[in-house]
Amino acid sequence: MKSFVVSALVLCVLVTKAESASNAVAWCYHLPSCNFSTWSSIAAPFCNGTRQSPIDIVTANATFNANLTAFTFQNYNSTSALTKIENTGKTIKVGIASGVTVSGGGLSESYDSLQFHLHWGNGTAVPGSEHTVDGKQFPMELHIVNSKSSLNGNTTLAVGDPEGLAALGFLIEALPSNVTESPEAWKNLTSYLQNITQKGQSVTITDPISLDSLLDGVSLTNYYRYNGSLTTPACNEAVVWTVFNDTIKISEDLINRFSTIVRINGSSSPLMVNVFRGVQSPLPVQRSSSPARISCSLSLAALSLALWTS
């Protein structure tokens, strides 16, 4: 069913070579001297480019593209594909084993899934998704980062190609407050956070968690598409973005774990909160489904949520 450039983190983060380039820029989320409002100057030329991400997706302005068909996900159902979970100091990143790919969906070729990471605010009280939809910001956002298979993991080539990377963005919202420790896959994933509270710490994932299980409940045929950038320095404009219409639903207690357990450095450093870049200038957005189909999907989602709470 259903590296990266720059830091080991944020949607845009590929591997060691790319990370070293990003680490040359002392960027951050938590200080006025280096937070995202400064990146256009401290991380030029890309962070002040013309196709920067994230953006606000205005649904009424998205144009239908019949070429945005269904994806083919290979090994997204594998319960051994997630290798390790790491605190990078700026996000929580999960490595993905080789052999996991995504194709179709209007992409020019097959892409290798390399890692995923998350962006969040401060629990459910302060939203922290990067993309917004019609001005609405969600509690969290999951980014699966993929690189063109033909590039064979060469991140230098990937970030230099306007379509070298494909990012799958999933907005996350909270289940009703009476639901706890749910879904099971997210309960298992967040249980590792207590072992990676400090920057640089990582542990092997031993629970049988698949990507499919983390994306449960999301229609992978209803999505938005635009060409943008990495959302962390160096902000390379090399990303084909897919932001899915349906949200991942997680209980509040699991969402709150991210902002109350992990820290940006050592044990006495601040908690990792508000790790997201604000929206950038609007860009043309296409959609895979007609407004009627999207409306139907939303109605079914509302019904599902109602049944969950009954």
C-alpha atoms as a PDB file:
ATOM      1  CA  MET A   1       0.000   0.000   0.000  1.00  0.00           C
ATOM      2  CA  LYS A   2       0.536   2.329   0.872  1.00  0.00           C
ATOM      3  CA  SER A   3      21.360  10.935   2.173  1.00  0.00           C
ATOM      4  CA  PHE A   4      19.570  13.607   2.190  1.00  0.00           C
ATOM      5  CA  VAL A   5      21.292  16.518   2.358  1.00  0.00           C
ATOM      6  CA  VAL A   6      21.970  17.994   5.191  1.00  0.00           C
ATOM      7  CA  SER A   7      21.611  17.056   8.610  1.00  0.00           C
ATOM      8  CA  ALA A   8      20.572  13.866   9.813  1.00  0.00           C
ATOM      9  CA  LEU A   9      17.279  15.106  10.293  1.00  0.00           C
ATOM     10  CA  VAL A  10      14.723  16.870   8.710  1.00  0.00           C
ATOM     11  CA  LEU A  11      13.122  16.091   5.585  1.00  0.00           C
ATOM     12  CA  CYS A  12      15.984  16.733   3.936  1.00  0.00           C
ATOM     13  CA  VAL A  13      18.685  14.827   5.103  1.00  0.00           C
ATOM     14  CA  LEU A  14      20.523  12.284   3.289  1.00  0.00           C
ATOM     15  CA  VAL A  15      23.733  10.833   4.482  1.00  0.00           C
ATOM     16  CA  THR A  16      27.100  11.573   5.940  1.00  0.00           C
ATOM     17  CA  LYS A  17      28.562  13.532   3.068  1.00  0.00           C
ATOM     18  CA  ALA A  18      25.525  15.724   2.791  1.00  0.00           C
ATOM     19  CA  GLU A  19      25.351  16.139   6.523  1.00  0.00           C
ATOM     20  CA  SER A  20      28.890  17.428   6.752  1.00  0.00           C
ATOM     21  CA  ALA A  21      28.027  20.149   4.256  1.00  0.00           C
ATOM     22  CA  SER A  22      25.011  21.139   6.326  1.00  0.00           C
ATOM     23  CA  ASN A  23      26.908  21.074   9.571  1.00  0.00           C
ATOM     24  CA  ALA A  24      29.185  23.777   8.161  1.00  0.00           C
ATOM     25  CA  VAL A  25      26.264  26.145   8.683  1.00  0.00           C
ATOM     26  CA  ALA A  26      25.450  26.727  12.350  1.00  0.00           C
ATOM     27  CA  TRP A  27      21.691  26.641  11.957  1.00  0.00           C
ATOM     28  CA  CYS A  28      19.153  25.841  14.639  1.00  0.00           C
ATOM     29  CA  TYR A  29      15.503  26.039  15.580  1.00  0.00           C
ATOM     30  CA  HIS A  30      15.651  27.439  19.107  1.00  0.00           C
ATOM     31  CA  LEU A  31      17.798  30.602  19.010  1.00  0.00           C
ATOM     32  CA  PRO A  32      16.970  33.925  17.308  1.00  0.00           C
ATOM     33  CA  SER A  33      20.512  34.054  15.926  1.00  0.00           C
ATOM     34  CA  CYS A  34      20.195  30.828  13.924  1.00  0.00           C
ATOM     35  CA  ASN A  35      16.521  29.818  13.682  1.00  0.00           C
ATOM     36  CA  PHE A  36      14.678  29.501  10.370  1.00  0.00           C
ATOM     37  CA  SER A  37      14.080  33.246  10.092  1.00  0.00           C
ATOM     38  CA  THR A  38      17.846  33.653   9.548  1.00  0.00           C
ATOM     39  CA  TRP A  39      18.482  30.788   7.138  1.00  0.00           C
ATOM     40  CA  SER A  40      18.014  32.878   3.991  1.00  0.00           C
ATOM     41  CA  SER A  41      21.087  34.873   5.005  1.00  0.00           C
ATOM     42  CA  ILE A  42      23.253  32.398   6.934  1.00  0.00           C
ATOM     43  CA  ALA A  43      22.586  29.520   4.515  1.00  0.00           C
ATOM     44  CA  ALA A  44      22.470  31.232   1.142  1.00  0.00           C
ATOM     45  CA  PRO A  45      22.206  30.715  -1.748  1.00  0.00           C
ATOM     46  CA  PHE A  46      19.607  27.959  -1.589  1.00  0.00           C
ATOM     47  CA  CYS A  47      17.660  28.957   1.534  1.00  0.00           C
ATOM     48  CA  ASN A  48      16.710  32.219  -0.170  1.00  0.00           C
ATOM     49  CA  GLY A  49      15.832  30.500  -3.441  1.00  0.00           C
ATOM     50  CA  THR A  50      12.642  30.576  -5.488  1.00  0.00           C
ATOM     51  CA  ARG A  51      11.199  27.094  -4.799  1.00  0.00           C
ATOM     52  CA  GLN A  52      11.555  26.767  -1.062  1.00  0.00           C
ATOM     53  CA  SER A  53       9.658  24.391   1.204  1.00  0.00           C
ATOM     54  CA  PRO A  54       7.466  24.031   3.143  1.00  0.00           C
ATOM     55  CA  ILE A  55       4.443  25.888   1.824  1.00  0.00           C
ATOM     56  CA  ASP A  56       0.806  26.422   2.669  1.00  0.00           C
ATOM     57  CA  ILE A  57      -1.272  24.198   0.404  1.00  0.00           C
ATOM     58  CA  VAL A  58      -4.343  26.141  -0.699  1.00  0.00           C
ATOM     59  CA  THR A  59      -6.653  23.337  -1.745  1.00  0.00           C
ATOM     60  CA  ALA A  60      -8.866  25.528  -3.915  1.00  0.00           C
ATOM     61  CA  ASN A  61      -5.855  26.549  -6.010  1.00  0.00           C
ATOM     62  CA  ALA A  62      -4.484  23.043  -6.583  1.00  0.00           C
ATOM     63  CA  THR A  63      -4.926  21.908 -10.177  1.00  0.00           C
ATOM     64  CA  PHE A  64      -5.908  18.360 -11.096  1.00  0.00           C
ATOM     65  CA  ASN A  65      -3.232  16.297 -12.870  1.00  0.00           C
ATOM     66  CA  ALA A  66      -4.386  12.970 -14.303  1.00  0.00           C
ATOM     67  CA  ASN A  67      -0.769  11.761 -14.373  1.00  0.00           C
ATOM     68  CA  LEU A  68      -0.654  11.699 -10.575  1.00  0.00           C
ATOM     69  CA  THR A  69      -1.677   8.065 -10.368  1.00  0.00           C
ATOM     70  CA  ALA A  70      -1.256   5.442  -7.650  1.00  0.00           C
ATOM     71  CA  PHE A  71       2.161   4.748  -6.159  1.00  0.00           C
ATOM     72  CA  THR A  72       3.881   1.398  -6.021  1.00  0.00           C
ATOM     73  CA  PHE A  73       5.473   0.833  -2.617  1.00  0.00           C
ATOM     74  CA  GLN A  74       7.994  -1.986  -2.407  1.00  0.00           C
ATOM     75  CA  ASN A  75       8.700  -3.534   1.015  1.00  0.00           C
ATOM     76  CA  TYR A  76       6.691  -0.912   2.882  1.00  0.00           C
ATOM     77  CA  ASN A  77       5.048  -3.915   4.542  1.00  0.00           C
ATOM     78  CA  SER A  78       8.378  -5.309   5.755  1.00  0.00           C
ATOM     79  CA  THR A  79       8.618  -5.513   9.548  1.00  0.00           C
ATOM     80  CA  SER A  80      12.417  -5.493   9.390  1.00  0.00           C
ATOM     81  CA  ALA A  81      12.917  -2.478   7.117  1.00  0.00           C
ATOM     82  CA  LEU A  82      13.394   0.051   9.936  1.00  0.00           C
ATOM     83  CA  THR A  83      16.982  -0.260  11.108  1.00  0.00           C
ATOM     84  CA  LYS A  84      17.760   2.279  13.824  1.00  0.00           C
ATOM     85  CA  ILE A  85      16.309   5.363  15.471  1.00  0.00           C
ATOM     86  CA  GLU A  86      18.553   8.340  16.208  1.00  0.00           C
ATOM     87  CA  ASN A  87      18.474  11.674  18.025  1.00  0.00           C
ATOM     88  CA  THR A  88      20.283  14.028  15.638  1.00  0.00           C
ATOM     89  CA  GLY A  89      19.966  17.065  17.885  1.00  0.00           C
ATOM     90  CA  LYS A  90      17.407  18.584  15.543  1.00  0.00           C
ATOM     91  CA  THR A  91      14.971  15.733  14.922  1.00  0.00           C
ATOM     92  CA  ILE A  92      14.340  12.051  15.426  1.00  0.00           C
ATOM     93  CA  LYS A  93      15.487  10.097  12.369  1.00  0.00           C
ATOM     94  CA  VAL A  94      14.768   6.465  11.499  1.00  0.00           C
ATOM     95  CA  GLY A  95      16.954   4.604   9.008  1.00  0.00           C
ATOM     96  CA  ILE A  96      15.412   2.421   6.325  1.00  0.00           C
ATOM     97  CA  ALA A  97      17.089  -0.718   4.984  1.00  0.00           C
ATOM     98  CA  SER A  98      17.977  -1.128   1.311  1.00  0.00           C
ATOM     99  CA  GLY A  99      15.357  -2.605  -0.963  1.00  0.00           C
ATOM    100  CA  VAL A 100      12.545  -0.285   0.112  1.00  0.00           C
ATOM    101  CA  THR A 101      11.391   1.792  -2.845  1.00  0.00           C
ATOM    102  CA  VAL A 102       8.586   3.961  -4.173  1.00  0.00           C
ATOM    103  CA  SER A 103       7.609   4.463  -7.803  1.00  0.00           C
ATOM    104  CA  GLY A 104       4.606   5.546  -9.827  1.00  0.00           C
ATOM    105  CA  GLY A 105       2.605   8.496  -8.574  1.00  0.00           C
ATOM    106  CA  GLY A 106       3.855  10.684 -11.403  1.00  0.00           C
ATOM    107  CA  LEU A 107       7.500  10.212 -10.373  1.00  0.00           C
ATOM    108  CA  SER A 108      10.015  10.064 -13.199  1.00  0.00           C
ATOM    109  CA  GLU A 109      11.562   6.795 -11.977  1.00  0.00           C
ATOM    110  CA  SER A 110      11.895   4.543  -8.947  1.00  0.00           C
ATOM    111  CA  TYR A 111      13.246   6.121  -5.750  1.00  0.00           C
ATOM    112  CA  ASP A 112      15.029   4.415  -2.861  1.00  0.00           C
ATOM    113  CA  SER A 113      13.533   5.115   0.566  1.00  0.00           C
ATOM    114  CA  LEU A 114      16.446   6.170   2.772  1.00  0.00           C
ATOM    115  CA  GLN A 115      15.057   7.431   6.057  1.00  0.00           C
ATOM    116  CA  PHE A 116      12.200   9.221   7.715  1.00  0.00           C
ATOM    117  CA  HIS A 117      12.159  11.936  10.317  1.00  0.00           C
ATOM    118  CA  LEU A 118       9.623  14.132  12.047  1.00  0.00           C
ATOM    119  CA  HIS A 119       8.840  17.755  12.754  1.00  0.00           C
ATOM    120  CA  TRP A 120       6.770  18.904  15.716  1.00  0.00           C
ATOM    121  CA  GLY A 121       5.892  21.864  17.913  1.00  0.00           C
ATOM    122  CA  ASN A 122       5.333  21.509  21.633  1.00  0.00           C
ATOM    123  CA  GLY A 123       3.054  18.556  22.209  1.00  0.00           C
ATOM    124  CA  THR A 124      -0.540  18.895  21.097  1.00  0.00           C
ATOM    125  CA  ALA A 125      -0.743  22.403  22.569  1.00  0.00           C
ATOM    126  CA  VAL A 126       1.549  24.042  19.983  1.00  0.00           C
ATOM    127  CA  PRO A 127       1.367  22.705  16.402  1.00  0.00           C
ATOM    128  CA  GLY A 128       4.576  21.973  14.535  1.00  0.00           C
ATOM    129  CA  SER A 129       3.909  20.558  11.080  1.00  0.00           C
ATOM    130  CA  GLU A 130       5.919  22.190   8.317  1.00  0.00           C
ATOM    131  CA  HIS A 131       3.312  22.155   5.582  1.00  0.00           C
ATOM    132  CA  THR A 132      -0.028  23.720   6.324  1.00  0.00           C
ATOM    133  CA  VAL A 133      -3.323  23.149   4.527  1.00  0.00           C
ATOM    134  CA  ASP A 134      -5.551  26.163   3.946  1.00  0.00           C
ATOM    135  CA  GLY A 135      -3.637  27.881   6.736  1.00  0.00           C
ATOM    136  CA  LYS A 136      -4.062  25.070   9.247  1.00  0.00           C
ATOM    137  CA  GLN A 137      -0.948  23.759  10.987  1.00  0.00           C
ATOM    138  CA  PHE A 138      -0.991  20.251  12.444  1.00  0.00           C
ATOM    139  CA  PRO A 139       0.745  18.891  15.574  1.00  0.00           C
ATOM    140  CA  MET A 140       3.413  16.939  13.668  1.00  0.00           C
ATOM    141  CA  GLU A 141       4.625  15.942  10.226  1.00  0.00           C
ATOM    142  CA  LEU A 142       6.392  12.801   9.031  1.00  0.00           C
ATOM    143  CA  HIS A 143       8.793  12.975   6.077  1.00  0.00           C
ATOM    144  CA  ILE A 144       9.972   9.891   4.205  1.00  0.00           C
ATOM    145  CA  VAL A 145      13.057  10.869   2.191  1.00  0.00           C
ATOM    146  CA  ASN A 146      13.763   9.061  -1.061  1.00  0.00           C
ATOM    147  CA  SER A 147      16.576   9.356  -3.619  1.00  0.00           C
ATOM    148  CA  LYS A 148      16.521   8.465  -7.323  1.00  0.00           C
ATOM    149  CA  SER A 149      17.452   4.802  -7.638  1.00  0.00           C
ATOM    150  CA  SER A 150      19.574   5.549 -10.701  1.00  0.00           C
ATOM    151  CA  LEU A 151      21.893   7.705  -8.588  1.00  0.00           C
ATOM    152  CA  ASN A 152      22.904   4.709  -6.450  1.00  0.00           C
ATOM    153  CA  GLY A 153      22.956   6.649  -3.202  1.00  0.00           C
ATOM    154  CA  ASN A 154      25.163   9.481  -4.508  1.00  0.00           C
ATOM    155  CA  THR A 155      23.839  12.374  -2.434  1.00  0.00           C
ATOM    156  CA  THR A 156      25.954  14.976  -4.207  1.00  0.00           C
ATOM    157  CA  LEU A 157      24.210  14.117  -7.467  1.00  0.00           C
ATOM    158  CA  ALA A 158      20.822  13.891  -5.746  1.00  0.00           C
ATOM    159  CA  VAL A 159      20.891  17.411  -4.310  1.00  0.00           C
ATOM    160  CA  GLY A 160      22.147  18.770  -7.618  1.00  0.00           C
ATOM    161  CA  ASP A 161      19.237  17.262  -9.559  1.00  0.00           C
ATOM    162  CA  PRO A 162      15.942  19.248  -9.525  1.00  0.00           C
ATOM    163  CA  GLU A 163      14.151  15.912  -9.004  1.00  0.00           C
ATOM    164  CA  GLY A 164      16.948  14.036  -7.250  1.00  0.00           C
ATOM    165  CA  LEU A 165      14.920  13.563  -4.095  1.00  0.00           C
ATOM    166  CA  ALA A 166      11.274  12.663  -3.531  1.00  0.00           C
ATOM    167  CA  ALA A 167       9.782  13.457  -0.149  1.00  0.00           C
ATOM    168  CA  LEU A 168       6.560  11.923   1.121  1.00  0.00           C
ATOM    169  CA  GLY A 169       4.913  14.199   3.680  1.00  0.00           C
ATOM    170  CA  PHE A 170       2.282  12.987   6.122  1.00  0.00           C
ATOM    171  CA  LEU A 171       0.496  15.399   8.435  1.00  0.00           C
ATOM    172  CA  ILE A 172      -0.212  14.050  11.906  1.00  0.00           C
ATOM    173  CA  GLU A 173      -3.110  14.955  14.151  1.00  0.00           C
ATOM    174  CA  ALA A 174      -4.298  13.795  17.541  1.00  0.00           C
ATOM    175  CA  LEU A 175      -6.927  11.187  18.293  1.00  0.00           C
ATOM    176  CA  PRO A 176      -9.604  12.103  20.854  1.00  0.00           C
ATOM    177  CA  SER A 177      -8.177  12.643  24.345  1.00  0.00           C
ATOM    178  CA  ASN A 178      -9.820   9.505  25.719  1.00  0.00           C
ATOM    179  CA  VAL A 179      -7.688   7.350  23.385  1.00  0.00           C
ATOM    180  CA  THR A 180      -4.203   6.534  24.686  1.00  0.00           C
ATOM    181  CA  GLU A 181      -1.120   4.600  23.535  1.00  0.00           C
ATOM    182  CA  SER A 182      -2.473   4.221  20.033  1.00  0.00           C
ATOM    183  CA  PRO A 183      -1.831   3.075  17.364  1.00  0.00           C
ATOM    184  CA  GLU A 184       0.312   0.138  18.408  1.00  0.00           C
ATOM    185  CA  ALA A 185       3.013   0.809  15.806  1.00  0.00           C
ATOM    186  CA  TRP A 186       3.492   4.358  17.074  1.00  0.00           C
ATOM    187  CA  LYS A 187       3.435   3.169  20.671  1.00  0.00           C
ATOM    188  CA  ASN A 188       6.288   0.808  19.841  1.00  0.00           C
ATOM    189  CA  LEU A 189       8.232   3.409  17.884  1.00  0.00           C
ATOM    190  CA  THR A 190       7.998   6.102  20.559  1.00  0.00           C
ATOM    191  CA  SER A 191       9.049   3.613  23.251  1.00  0.00           C
ATOM    192  CA  TYR A 192      12.606   4.004  21.912  1.00  0.00           C
ATOM    193  CA  LEU A 193      12.712   7.735  22.673  1.00  0.00           C
ATOM    194  CA  GLN A 194      13.677   7.114  26.305  1.00  0.00           C
ATOM    195  CA  ASN A 195      16.901   5.517  25.030  1.00  0.00           C
ATOM    196  CA  ILE A 196      17.891   8.412  22.756  1.00  0.00           C
ATOM    197  CA  THR A 197      17.248  11.439  24.935  1.00  0.00           C
ATOM    198  CA  GLN A 198      20.560  13.094  23.995  1.00  0.00           C
ATOM    199  CA  LYS A 199      22.055  14.220  20.685  1.00  0.00           C
ATOM    200  CA  GLY A 200      23.975  11.504  18.873  1.00  0.00           C
ATOM    201  CA  GLN A 201      22.346   8.602  20.669  1.00  0.00           C
ATOM    202  CA  SER A 202      20.830   5.831  18.554  1.00  0.00           C
ATOM    203  CA  VAL A 203      19.447   2.354  19.094  1.00  0.00           C
ATOM    204  CA  THR A 204      18.592  -0.574  16.863  1.00  0.00           C
ATOM    205  CA  ILE A 205      14.883  -1.089  16.216  1.00  0.00           C
ATOM    206  CA  THR A 206      13.964  -4.606  17.236  1.00  0.00           C
ATOM    207  CA  ASP A 207      10.169  -4.373  17.245  1.00  0.00           C
ATOM    208  CA  PRO A 208       8.406  -5.568  14.066  1.00  0.00           C
ATOM    209  CA  ILE A 209       7.339  -2.132  12.809  1.00  0.00           C
ATOM    210  CA  SER A 210       6.584  -1.622   9.128  1.00  0.00           C
ATOM    211  CA  LEU A 211       6.178   1.639   7.250  1.00  0.00           C
ATOM    212  CA  ASP A 212       2.678   0.478   6.316  1.00  0.00           C
ATOM    213  CA  SER A 213       1.740   0.179   9.983  1.00  0.00           C
ATOM    214  CA  LEU A 214       2.896   3.738  10.685  1.00  0.00           C
ATOM    215  CA  LEU A 215       0.815   5.017   7.755  1.00  0.00           C
ATOM    216  CA  ASP A 216      -2.303   3.027   8.629  1.00  0.00           C
ATOM    217  CA  GLY A 217      -5.542   4.777   7.748  1.00  0.00           C
ATOM    218  CA  VAL A 218      -4.003   7.076   5.117  1.00  0.00           C
ATOM    219  CA  SER A 219      -5.245   6.881   1.539  1.00  0.00           C
ATOM    220  CA  LEU A 220      -2.096   6.799  -0.558  1.00  0.00           C
ATOM    221  CA  THR A 221      -3.921   7.782  -3.740  1.00  0.00           C
ATOM    222  CA  ASN A 222      -5.122  11.235  -2.608  1.00  0.00           C
ATOM    223  CA  TYR A 223      -2.232  13.659  -2.484  1.00  0.00           C
ATOM    224  CA  TYR A 224      -0.791  17.026  -3.483  1.00  0.00           C
ATOM    225  CA  ARG A 225       2.356  17.503  -5.560  1.00  0.00           C
ATOM    226  CA  TYR A 226       4.785  20.359  -6.045  1.00  0.00           C
ATOM    227  CA  ASN A 227       8.494  20.893  -6.711  1.00  0.00           C
ATOM    228  CA  GLY A 228      10.320  22.378  -3.748  1.00  0.00           C
ATOM    229  CA  SER A 229      13.352  22.067  -1.523  1.00  0.00           C
ATOM    230  CA  LEU A 230      14.828  20.526   1.552  1.00  0.00           C
ATOM    231  CA  THR A 231      13.347  22.184   4.618  1.00  0.00           C
ATOM    232  CA  THR A 232      16.679  22.457   6.456  1.00  0.00           C
ATOM    233  CA  PRO A 233      19.932  24.067   5.323  1.00  0.00           C
ATOM    234  CA  ALA A 234      21.305  23.920   2.744  1.00  0.00           C
ATOM    235  CA  CYS A 235      17.681  23.994   1.496  1.00  0.00           C
ATOM    236  CA  ASN A 236      18.673  22.520  -1.883  1.00  0.00           C
ATOM    237  CA  GLU A 237      15.917  22.886  -4.463  1.00  0.00           C
ATOM    238  CA  ALA A 238      16.020  19.231  -5.421  1.00  0.00           C
ATOM    239  CA  VAL A 239      12.807  17.768  -3.997  1.00  0.00           C
ATOM    240  CA  VAL A 240       9.636  16.470  -5.601  1.00  0.00           C
ATOM    241  CA  TRP A 241       7.142  16.862  -2.760  1.00  0.00           C
ATOM    242  CA  THR A 242       4.101  14.684  -2.171  1.00  0.00           C
ATOM    243  CA  VAL A 243       1.872  15.747   0.716  1.00  0.00           C
ATOM    244  CA  PHE A 244      -0.953  13.332   1.420  1.00  0.00           C
ATOM    245  CA  ASN A 245      -4.496  14.538   1.925  1.00  0.00           C
ATOM    246  CA  ASP A 246      -5.331  12.159   4.785  1.00  0.00           C
ATOM    247  CA  THR A 247      -3.669  12.563   8.164  1.00  0.00           C
ATOM    248  CA  ILE A 248      -1.989   9.991  10.378  1.00  0.00           C
ATOM    249  CA  LYS A 249      -3.913   9.812  13.644  1.00  0.00           C
ATOM    250  CA  ILE A 250      -1.950   9.296  16.871  1.00  0.00           C
ATOM    251  CA  SER A 251      -3.030   9.576  20.495  1.00  0.00           C
ATOM    252  CA  GLU A 252      -2.084  12.763  22.345  1.00  0.00           C
ATOM    253  CA  ASP A 253       0.142  10.987  24.853  1.00  0.00           C
ATOM    254  CA  LEU A 254       2.348   9.606  22.079  1.00  0.00           C
ATOM    255  CA  ILE A 255       2.597  12.976  20.332  1.00  0.00           C
ATOM    256  CA  ASN A 256       3.598  14.580  23.633  1.00  0.00           C
ATOM    257  CA  ARG A 257       6.487  12.141  24.071  1.00  0.00           C
ATOM    258  CA  PHE A 258       8.525  13.888  21.411  1.00  0.00           C
ATOM    259  CA  SER A 259       8.524  17.266  23.146  1.00  0.00           C
ATOM    260  CA  THR A 260       8.944  15.930  26.696  1.00  0.00           C
ATOM    261  CA  ILE A 261      11.632  13.248  26.341  1.00  0.00           C
ATOM    262  CA  VAL A 262      14.284  14.114  23.767  1.00  0.00           C
ATOM    263  CA  ARG A 263      16.785  17.003  24.048  1.00  0.00           C
ATOM    264  CA  ILE A 264      18.798  19.008  21.541  1.00  0.00           C
ATOM    265  CA  ASN A 265      22.150  18.123  23.116  1.00  0.00           C
ATOM    266  CA  GLY A 266      23.190  16.726  26.507  1.00  0.00           C
ATOM    267  CA  SER A 267      21.113  15.902  29.555  1.00  0.00           C
ATOM    268  CA  SER A 268      20.934  19.526  30.707  1.00  0.00           C
ATOM    269  CA  SER A 269      20.139  21.018  27.289  1.00  0.00           C
ATOM    270  CA  PRO A 270      16.658  22.234  26.295  1.00  0.00           C
ATOM    271  CA  LEU A 271      13.971  19.797  25.263  1.00  0.00           C
ATOM    272  CA  MET A 272      13.528  19.413  21.518  1.00  0.00           C
ATOM    273  CA  VAL A 273      10.482  21.547  20.731  1.00  0.00           C
ATOM    274  CA  ASN A 274       9.299  23.619  17.749  1.00  0.00           C
ATOM    275  CA  VAL A 275      11.524  21.806  15.268  1.00  0.00           C
ATOM    276  CA  PHE A 276       9.991  23.042  12.048  1.00  0.00           C
ATOM    277  CA  ARG A 277      10.557  25.648   9.354  1.00  0.00           C
ATOM    278  CA  GLY A 278       7.812  28.173   8.729  1.00  0.00           C
ATOM    279  CA  VAL A 279       5.981  28.260   5.411  1.00  0.00           C
ATOM    280  CA  GLN A 280       7.699  29.886   2.458  1.00  0.00           C
ATOM    281  CA  SER A 281       6.407  31.703  -0.622  1.00  0.00           C
ATOM    282  CA  PRO A 282       3.553  29.988  -2.508  1.00  0.00           C
ATOM    283  CA  LEU A 283       4.356  27.545  -5.297  1.00  0.00           C
ATOM    284  CA  PRO A 284       2.150  25.865  -7.936  1.00  0.00           C
ATOM    285  CA  VAL A 285       0.466  22.770  -6.494  1.00  0.00           C
ATOM    286  CA  GLN A 286      -1.189  19.889  -8.307  1.00  0.00           C
ATOM    287  CA  ARG A 287      -3.556  17.263  -6.900  1.00  0.00           C
ATOM    288  CA  SER A 288      -4.162  13.636  -7.732  1.00  0.00           C
ATOM    289  CA  SER A 289      -7.912  13.564  -7.114  1.00  0.00           C
ATOM    290  CA  SER A 290     -10.917  15.646  -7.993  1.00  0.00           C
ATOM    291  CA  PRO A 291     -12.415  17.818  -5.242  1.00  0.00           C
ATOM    292  CA  ALA A 292     -15.387  15.427  -5.052  1.00  0.00           C
ATOM    293  CA  ARG A 293     -13.131  12.453  -4.291  1.00  0.00           C
ATOM    294  CA  ILE A 294     -11.181  14.423  -1.690  1.00  0.00           C
ATOM    295  CA  SER A 295     -14.417  15.556  -0.049  1.00  0.00           C
ATOM    296  CA  CYS A 296     -15.607  11.954   0.050  1.00  0.00           C
ATOM    297  CA  SER A 297     -12.306  10.899   1.620  1.00  0.00           C
ATOM    298  CA  LEU A 298     -12.673  13.549   4.300  1.00  0.00           C
ATOM    299  CA  SER A 299     -16.218  12.422   5.036  1.00  0.00           C
ATOM    300  CA  LEU A 300     -15.075   8.822   5.445  1.00  0.00           C
ATOM    301  CA  ALA A 301     -12.255   9.962   7.725  1.00  0.00           C
ATOM    302  CA  ALA A 302     -14.726  11.858   9.892  1.00  0.00           C
ATOM    303  CA  LEU A 303     -16.983   8.810  10.060  1.00  0.00           C
ATOM    304  CA  SER A 304     -14.042   6.600  11.017  1.00  0.00           C
ATOM    305  CA  LEU A 305     -13.061   9.005  13.791  1.00  0.00           C
ATOM    306  CA  ALA A 306     -16.633   9.103  15.068  1.00  0.00           C
ATOM    307  CA  LEU A 307     -16.830   5.318  15.168  1.00  0.00           C
ATOM    308  CA  TRP A 308     -13.495   5.207  17.034  1.00  0.00           C
ATOM    309  CA  THR A 309     -14.910   7.334  19.830  1.00  0.00           C
ATOM    310  CA  SER A 310     -18.301   5.653  20.062  1.00  0.00           C
END
